Protein backbone atom coordinates (compact mmCIF):
# COMPACT_ATOMS: atom_id res chain seq x y z
CA UNK A 1 16.84 9.01 -12.35
CA UNK A 2 16.94 7.34 -15.75
CA UNK A 3 14.24 5.32 -17.41
CA UNK A 4 15.36 1.74 -18.05
CA UNK A 5 13.85 -0.86 -20.37
CA UNK A 6 14.27 -4.49 -19.27
CA UNK A 7 14.95 -6.70 -22.28
CA UNK A 8 15.75 -10.10 -20.82
CA UNK A 9 13.84 -12.60 -18.73
CA UNK A 10 16.84 -13.07 -16.43
CA UNK A 11 16.86 -9.39 -15.48
CA UNK A 12 13.14 -9.50 -14.86
CA UNK A 13 13.47 -12.50 -12.53
CA UNK A 14 16.29 -10.76 -10.68
CA UNK A 15 14.13 -7.75 -9.97
CA UNK A 16 11.11 -9.76 -8.83
CA UNK A 17 12.83 -12.45 -6.81
CA UNK A 18 12.23 -16.19 -7.27
CA UNK A 19 9.64 -16.50 -4.50
CA UNK A 20 7.55 -13.68 -5.93
CA UNK A 21 7.91 -15.06 -9.44
CA UNK A 22 6.62 -18.51 -8.46
CA UNK A 23 3.51 -16.92 -6.97
CA UNK A 24 2.93 -14.54 -9.85
CA UNK A 25 3.36 -17.15 -12.60
CA UNK A 26 0.60 -19.23 -11.06
CA UNK A 27 -1.89 -17.03 -12.90
CA UNK A 28 -0.21 -14.17 -14.73
CA UNK A 29 2.86 -14.64 -16.84
CA UNK A 30 3.60 -10.93 -16.60
CA UNK A 31 4.10 -11.08 -12.85
CA UNK A 32 1.33 -8.58 -12.05
CA UNK A 33 0.67 -10.21 -8.68
CA UNK A 34 4.19 -9.35 -7.57
CA UNK A 35 2.66 -6.00 -6.54
CA UNK A 36 -1.08 -6.52 -6.73
CA UNK A 37 -1.17 -9.43 -4.26
CA UNK A 38 -0.71 -7.08 -1.28
CA UNK A 39 -3.95 -6.29 0.65
CA UNK A 40 -4.47 -2.60 1.28
CA UNK A 41 -2.92 -1.59 -2.04
CA UNK A 42 -4.75 1.67 -2.75
CA UNK A 43 -4.16 4.80 -4.82
CA UNK A 44 -6.06 8.07 -5.05
CA UNK A 45 -8.20 8.35 -8.16
CA UNK A 46 -9.80 11.69 -7.46
CA UNK A 47 -10.21 14.11 -4.58
CA UNK A 48 -13.10 12.25 -3.01
CA UNK A 49 -12.13 8.64 -3.59
CA UNK A 50 -9.51 6.01 -4.27
CA UNK A 51 -8.95 2.95 -6.43
CA UNK A 52 -8.24 -0.44 -4.88
CA UNK A 53 -5.48 -2.37 -6.66
CA UNK A 54 -5.29 -5.51 -4.55
CA UNK A 55 -6.07 -8.86 -6.21
CA UNK A 56 -6.31 -12.01 -4.10
CA UNK A 57 -4.81 -14.79 -6.19
CA UNK A 58 -6.91 -17.63 -4.80
CA UNK A 59 -10.18 -15.72 -5.17
CA UNK A 60 -9.24 -14.61 -8.68
CA UNK A 61 -8.52 -18.24 -9.63
CA UNK A 62 -12.05 -19.17 -8.58
CA UNK A 63 -13.64 -16.27 -10.47
CA UNK A 64 -15.13 -16.49 -14.01
CA UNK A 65 -11.91 -14.95 -15.35
CA UNK A 66 -9.65 -17.15 -13.23
CA UNK A 67 -7.93 -18.78 -16.21
CA UNK A 68 -7.40 -15.50 -18.04
CA UNK A 69 -3.98 -13.89 -17.94
CA UNK A 70 -4.16 -10.31 -16.64
CA UNK A 71 -2.87 -8.66 -19.80
CA UNK A 72 -5.37 -10.40 -22.04
CA UNK A 73 -7.79 -7.82 -20.63
CA UNK A 74 -5.38 -5.08 -19.53
CA UNK A 75 -3.72 -4.89 -22.92
CA UNK A 76 -2.43 -1.33 -22.55
CA UNK A 77 -0.32 -2.10 -19.49
CA UNK A 78 3.29 -2.25 -20.64
CA UNK A 79 5.11 -0.45 -17.83
CA UNK A 80 5.10 0.59 -14.19
CA UNK A 81 3.61 2.97 -13.19
CA UNK A 82 0.57 2.43 -15.42
CA UNK A 83 -1.88 4.96 -14.03
CA UNK A 84 -4.62 5.67 -16.55
CA UNK A 85 -3.68 2.70 -18.72
CA UNK A 86 -5.89 0.03 -17.22
CA UNK A 87 -9.07 0.61 -19.21
CA UNK A 88 -10.67 -2.54 -20.60
CA UNK A 89 -12.99 -3.18 -23.52
CA UNK A 90 -14.44 -6.67 -23.12
CA UNK A 91 -15.59 -6.78 -26.74
CA UNK A 92 -12.15 -6.37 -28.32
CA UNK A 93 -10.64 -9.71 -27.39
CA UNK A 94 -12.33 -12.61 -25.56
CA UNK A 95 -15.90 -11.64 -26.40
CA UNK A 96 -15.20 -10.46 -29.93
CA UNK A 97 -17.09 -13.36 -31.52
CA UNK A 98 -20.33 -12.71 -29.67
CA UNK A 99 -23.32 -11.60 -31.64
CA UNK A 100 -24.15 -7.92 -31.43
CA UNK A 101 -27.13 -8.52 -29.14
CA UNK A 102 -24.93 -10.48 -26.71
CA UNK A 103 -22.06 -8.00 -26.61
CA UNK A 104 -21.13 -6.64 -23.18
CA UNK A 105 -22.34 -3.06 -22.94
CA UNK A 106 -22.17 -0.58 -20.09
CA UNK A 107 -20.83 -3.21 -17.71
CA UNK A 108 -19.45 -1.65 -14.48
CA UNK A 109 -15.86 -2.85 -14.79
CA UNK A 110 -14.99 -1.68 -11.28
CA UNK A 111 -17.09 -4.55 -9.91
CA UNK A 112 -15.14 -7.31 -11.69
CA UNK A 113 -12.44 -7.61 -9.03
CA UNK A 114 -14.55 -6.36 -6.10
CA UNK A 115 -14.81 -9.79 -4.44
CA UNK A 116 -11.05 -10.32 -4.72
CA UNK A 117 -9.96 -7.19 -2.86
CA UNK A 118 -9.22 -6.36 0.77
CA UNK A 119 -8.59 -2.91 2.22
CA UNK A 120 -9.27 -0.75 5.26
CA UNK A 121 -12.24 1.58 5.06
CA UNK A 122 -12.06 2.89 8.66
CA UNK A 123 -9.45 2.99 11.39
CA UNK A 124 -9.98 4.58 14.80
CA UNK A 125 -6.71 6.43 15.23
CA UNK A 126 -6.47 9.11 17.94
CA UNK A 127 -3.79 11.28 16.41
CA UNK A 128 -3.48 14.81 15.07
CA UNK A 129 -2.12 13.40 11.81
CA UNK A 130 -5.49 11.89 10.90
CA UNK A 131 -7.28 15.22 11.35
CA UNK A 132 -5.73 16.55 8.14
CA UNK A 133 -4.44 13.44 6.41
CA UNK A 134 -6.74 10.80 4.99
CA UNK A 135 -6.57 7.11 5.84
CA UNK A 136 -4.52 6.62 2.66
CA UNK A 137 -2.39 9.80 2.61
CA UNK A 138 0.20 9.08 -0.10
CA UNK A 139 -0.67 10.48 -3.50
CA UNK A 140 2.32 12.28 -5.03
CA UNK A 141 4.70 9.61 -6.33
CA UNK A 142 2.84 7.61 -9.00
CA UNK A 143 5.33 4.74 -8.86
CA UNK A 144 5.07 3.97 -5.16
CA UNK A 145 1.98 5.72 -3.75
CA UNK A 146 -0.15 2.55 -3.60
CA UNK A 147 2.66 0.56 -1.97
CA UNK A 148 3.14 3.30 0.61
CA UNK A 149 -0.59 3.46 1.33
CA UNK A 150 -0.52 -0.30 1.92
CA UNK A 151 1.58 0.32 5.06
CA UNK A 152 -1.39 2.07 6.71
CA UNK A 153 -2.72 -1.28 7.86
CA UNK A 154 0.55 -2.45 9.36
CA UNK A 155 2.23 0.50 11.09
CA UNK A 156 1.69 3.97 12.49
CA UNK A 157 2.86 6.97 10.47
CA UNK A 158 5.65 7.75 12.94
CA UNK A 159 7.53 4.55 12.09
CA UNK A 160 8.56 6.09 8.77
CA UNK A 161 8.04 9.81 9.27
CA UNK A 162 9.35 10.50 12.75
CA UNK A 163 12.40 12.75 12.81
CA UNK A 164 14.78 10.52 14.74
CA UNK A 165 17.64 13.01 14.95
CA UNK A 166 16.43 14.46 18.24
CA UNK A 167 16.04 11.22 20.20
CA UNK A 168 18.20 8.18 19.53
CA UNK A 169 16.72 5.79 22.06
CA UNK A 170 13.64 4.58 20.21
CA UNK A 171 12.22 1.07 20.15
CA UNK A 172 9.62 -0.48 17.85
CA UNK A 173 6.86 -2.75 19.03
CA UNK A 174 3.18 -3.55 18.54
CA UNK A 175 0.77 -0.86 19.67
CA UNK A 176 -2.49 -1.67 21.45
CA UNK A 177 -5.30 -2.91 19.25
CA UNK A 178 -7.43 -0.39 17.36
CA UNK A 179 -10.96 -0.69 16.01
CA UNK A 180 -10.98 -1.06 12.25
CA UNK A 181 -13.44 -1.78 9.48
CA UNK A 182 -12.38 -3.78 6.45
CA UNK A 183 -13.79 -4.35 3.02
CA UNK A 184 -13.10 -7.95 2.11
CA UNK A 185 -10.99 -10.23 4.30
CA UNK A 186 -9.39 -8.62 7.36
CA UNK A 187 -5.60 -8.58 7.32
CA UNK A 188 -2.86 -7.61 9.74
CA UNK A 189 -2.55 -8.88 13.31
CA UNK A 190 -4.93 -9.45 16.19
CA UNK A 191 -8.17 -8.94 14.31
CA UNK A 192 -11.14 -10.54 16.02
CA UNK A 193 -12.03 -13.73 14.11
CA UNK A 194 -15.29 -14.18 16.02
CA UNK A 195 -16.97 -11.11 14.58
CA UNK A 196 -19.05 -11.12 11.44
CA UNK A 197 -16.81 -10.97 8.35
CA UNK A 198 -19.26 -9.05 6.22
CA UNK A 199 -18.35 -5.96 4.20
CA UNK A 200 -18.75 -3.61 7.17
CA UNK A 201 -17.72 -5.85 10.05
CA UNK A 202 -15.54 -4.39 12.79
CA UNK A 203 -12.24 -5.94 13.75
CA UNK A 204 -9.31 -5.13 15.96
CA UNK A 205 -5.80 -4.78 14.59
CA UNK A 206 -2.46 -4.01 16.16
CA UNK A 207 0.14 -2.00 14.25
CA UNK A 208 3.87 -1.46 14.67
CA UNK A 209 4.60 1.79 16.52
CA UNK A 210 7.49 3.85 17.89
CA UNK A 211 8.17 3.96 21.61
CA UNK A 212 10.55 6.14 23.62
CA UNK A 213 11.98 5.31 27.03
CA UNK A 214 10.37 7.34 29.80
CA UNK A 215 11.72 6.71 33.32
CA UNK A 216 12.36 3.08 32.47
CA UNK A 217 8.97 2.64 30.78
CA UNK A 218 7.98 2.64 27.13
CA UNK A 219 5.98 5.66 25.99
CA UNK A 220 4.11 5.61 22.70
CA UNK A 221 5.37 8.33 20.35
CA UNK A 222 2.22 9.73 18.78
CA UNK A 223 0.77 13.23 18.55
CA UNK A 224 -2.53 12.91 20.38
CA UNK A 225 -2.09 16.20 22.24
CA UNK A 226 -2.61 18.44 19.20
CA UNK A 227 -5.89 16.97 17.95
CA UNK A 228 -8.00 19.96 19.03
CA UNK A 229 -5.41 22.39 17.63
CA UNK A 230 -5.39 20.52 14.32
CA UNK A 231 -9.17 20.65 14.08
CA UNK A 232 -9.09 24.38 14.83
CA UNK A 233 -6.43 24.90 12.15
CA UNK A 234 -8.45 22.96 9.60
CA UNK A 235 -11.57 25.06 10.24
CA UNK A 236 -9.65 28.34 9.83
CA UNK A 237 -7.13 27.32 7.15
CA UNK A 238 -8.88 29.11 4.27
CA UNK A 239 -8.72 32.42 6.11
CA UNK A 240 -5.05 32.20 7.09
CA UNK A 241 -2.33 34.11 5.30
CA UNK A 242 0.43 32.06 3.59
CA UNK A 243 2.83 32.87 6.43
CA UNK A 244 0.30 31.88 9.10
CA UNK A 245 -0.43 28.62 7.31
CA UNK A 246 3.26 27.80 6.97
CA UNK A 247 3.86 28.58 10.63
CA UNK A 248 0.99 26.31 11.70
CA UNK A 249 2.13 23.43 9.48
CA UNK A 250 5.70 23.79 10.76
CA UNK A 251 4.33 23.37 14.27
CA UNK A 252 2.35 20.22 13.48
CA UNK A 253 5.26 18.73 11.52
CA UNK A 254 7.93 19.68 14.05
CA UNK A 255 8.79 16.04 14.75
CA UNK A 256 8.08 14.74 11.25
CA UNK A 257 10.53 14.03 8.42
CA UNK A 258 9.66 13.55 4.77
CA UNK A 259 12.09 11.07 3.24
CA UNK A 260 13.19 9.94 -0.18
CA UNK A 261 11.58 6.62 -1.07
CA UNK A 262 14.94 4.83 -1.20
CA UNK A 263 15.75 5.97 2.34
CA UNK A 264 12.32 5.06 3.67
CA UNK A 265 12.45 1.55 2.17
CA UNK A 266 15.98 0.80 3.38
CA UNK A 267 15.17 1.82 6.95
CA UNK A 268 13.02 -1.29 7.31
CA UNK A 269 13.69 -3.59 4.36
CA UNK A 270 17.43 -4.18 4.69
CA UNK A 271 19.98 -5.93 6.87
CA UNK A 272 20.24 -2.64 8.81
CA UNK A 273 16.52 -2.51 9.51
CA UNK A 274 15.33 -0.34 12.37
CA UNK A 275 12.77 -3.07 13.03
CA UNK A 276 13.76 -6.24 14.85
CA UNK A 277 11.44 -8.55 12.94
CA UNK A 278 12.21 -11.55 15.15
CA UNK A 279 11.38 -9.53 18.27
CA UNK A 280 8.13 -8.50 16.59
CA UNK A 281 7.20 -12.16 16.23
CA UNK A 282 8.02 -12.94 12.61
CA UNK A 283 9.52 -16.36 11.90
CA UNK A 284 12.98 -16.67 10.26
CA UNK A 285 11.60 -17.08 6.73
CA UNK A 286 9.27 -14.09 6.97
CA UNK A 287 12.05 -12.04 8.59
CA UNK A 288 14.37 -12.83 5.69
CA UNK A 289 11.71 -12.00 3.10
CA UNK A 290 10.97 -8.65 4.72
CA UNK A 291 14.64 -7.71 4.90
CA UNK A 292 15.48 -8.62 1.29
CA UNK A 293 12.15 -7.64 -0.27
CA UNK A 294 13.02 -7.61 -3.96
CA UNK A 295 10.22 -5.30 -5.00
CA UNK A 296 12.14 -2.60 -3.15
CA UNK A 297 14.70 -2.58 -5.96
CA UNK A 298 12.02 -1.89 -8.55
CA UNK A 299 10.65 1.17 -6.76
CA UNK A 300 13.97 2.63 -5.61
CA UNK A 301 16.12 2.16 -8.72
CA UNK A 302 13.80 2.86 -11.64
CA UNK A 303 11.59 5.75 -12.57
CA UNK A 304 9.80 3.66 -15.19
CA UNK A 305 9.88 -0.13 -15.47
CA UNK A 306 9.02 -1.62 -18.87
CA UNK A 307 7.73 -5.18 -18.97
CA UNK A 308 9.72 -7.57 -21.19
CA UNK A 309 7.76 -8.08 -24.37
CA UNK A 310 8.70 -11.76 -24.50
CA UNK A 311 6.26 -12.32 -21.64
CA UNK A 312 3.33 -10.91 -23.57
CA UNK A 313 0.50 -13.45 -23.98
């Protein structure tokens, strides 16, 4: 896959889509909110944590920095992915004229956007997958890992990863509600609006799942039978030989397929979508937007996307 530099505004608009551009230009001329507006946008930062990348446009507009274009602070961001290039020094631009005693020192930058972010911090999911895999399991592909992790709040893993070659008669529908804890505003469907919306409040969400026909009934396709085996494997994994470990993982992944990002995106976000968005309750406009999602082109066609310099503030 080749690296491509976008040089014209027209090409940039084509990649983003007009709807996304109108939203993004409300605050950031660089179109950062094209990606960062999605709640649940998370990437792994280290083994024991993750970094939240979601920015709520309305809340940002009301913040002290609401009239500041994103790249006035994030000056090193010139391309996607930009992992490790988001460091900010408040004293190099806006606050440069402050007297030495008033300069911003040792300010915890991670708190600046904290009130503008929404993400899941707990989800009660009775499946063997969650025994080994974290709530946000995608970490390998730097370009798309946060976008893939975002799907955690909207669908079960099997929607993308189920090996569908064995059984052709699958349907997709909403699964029963699950207990979940959000940081920030709850998102998704069927959360309980009557509960306290504090940082650790509990809500109930329903996610899209895979169902197979079983004697005329729909049966949820989820591996809840191997939970105890998965826990046993995890406790003994360090003492297993390479062959034993491979054999165990092959067993747990026997119905799972790992797909190229272009294939995974097109399965849902295309005119040939495996999901019947209208049946799932989405209105015609939302259905169209989900099927022609323009951000899909950015993540499936380009290894590195360079922002047009003419949009620099």
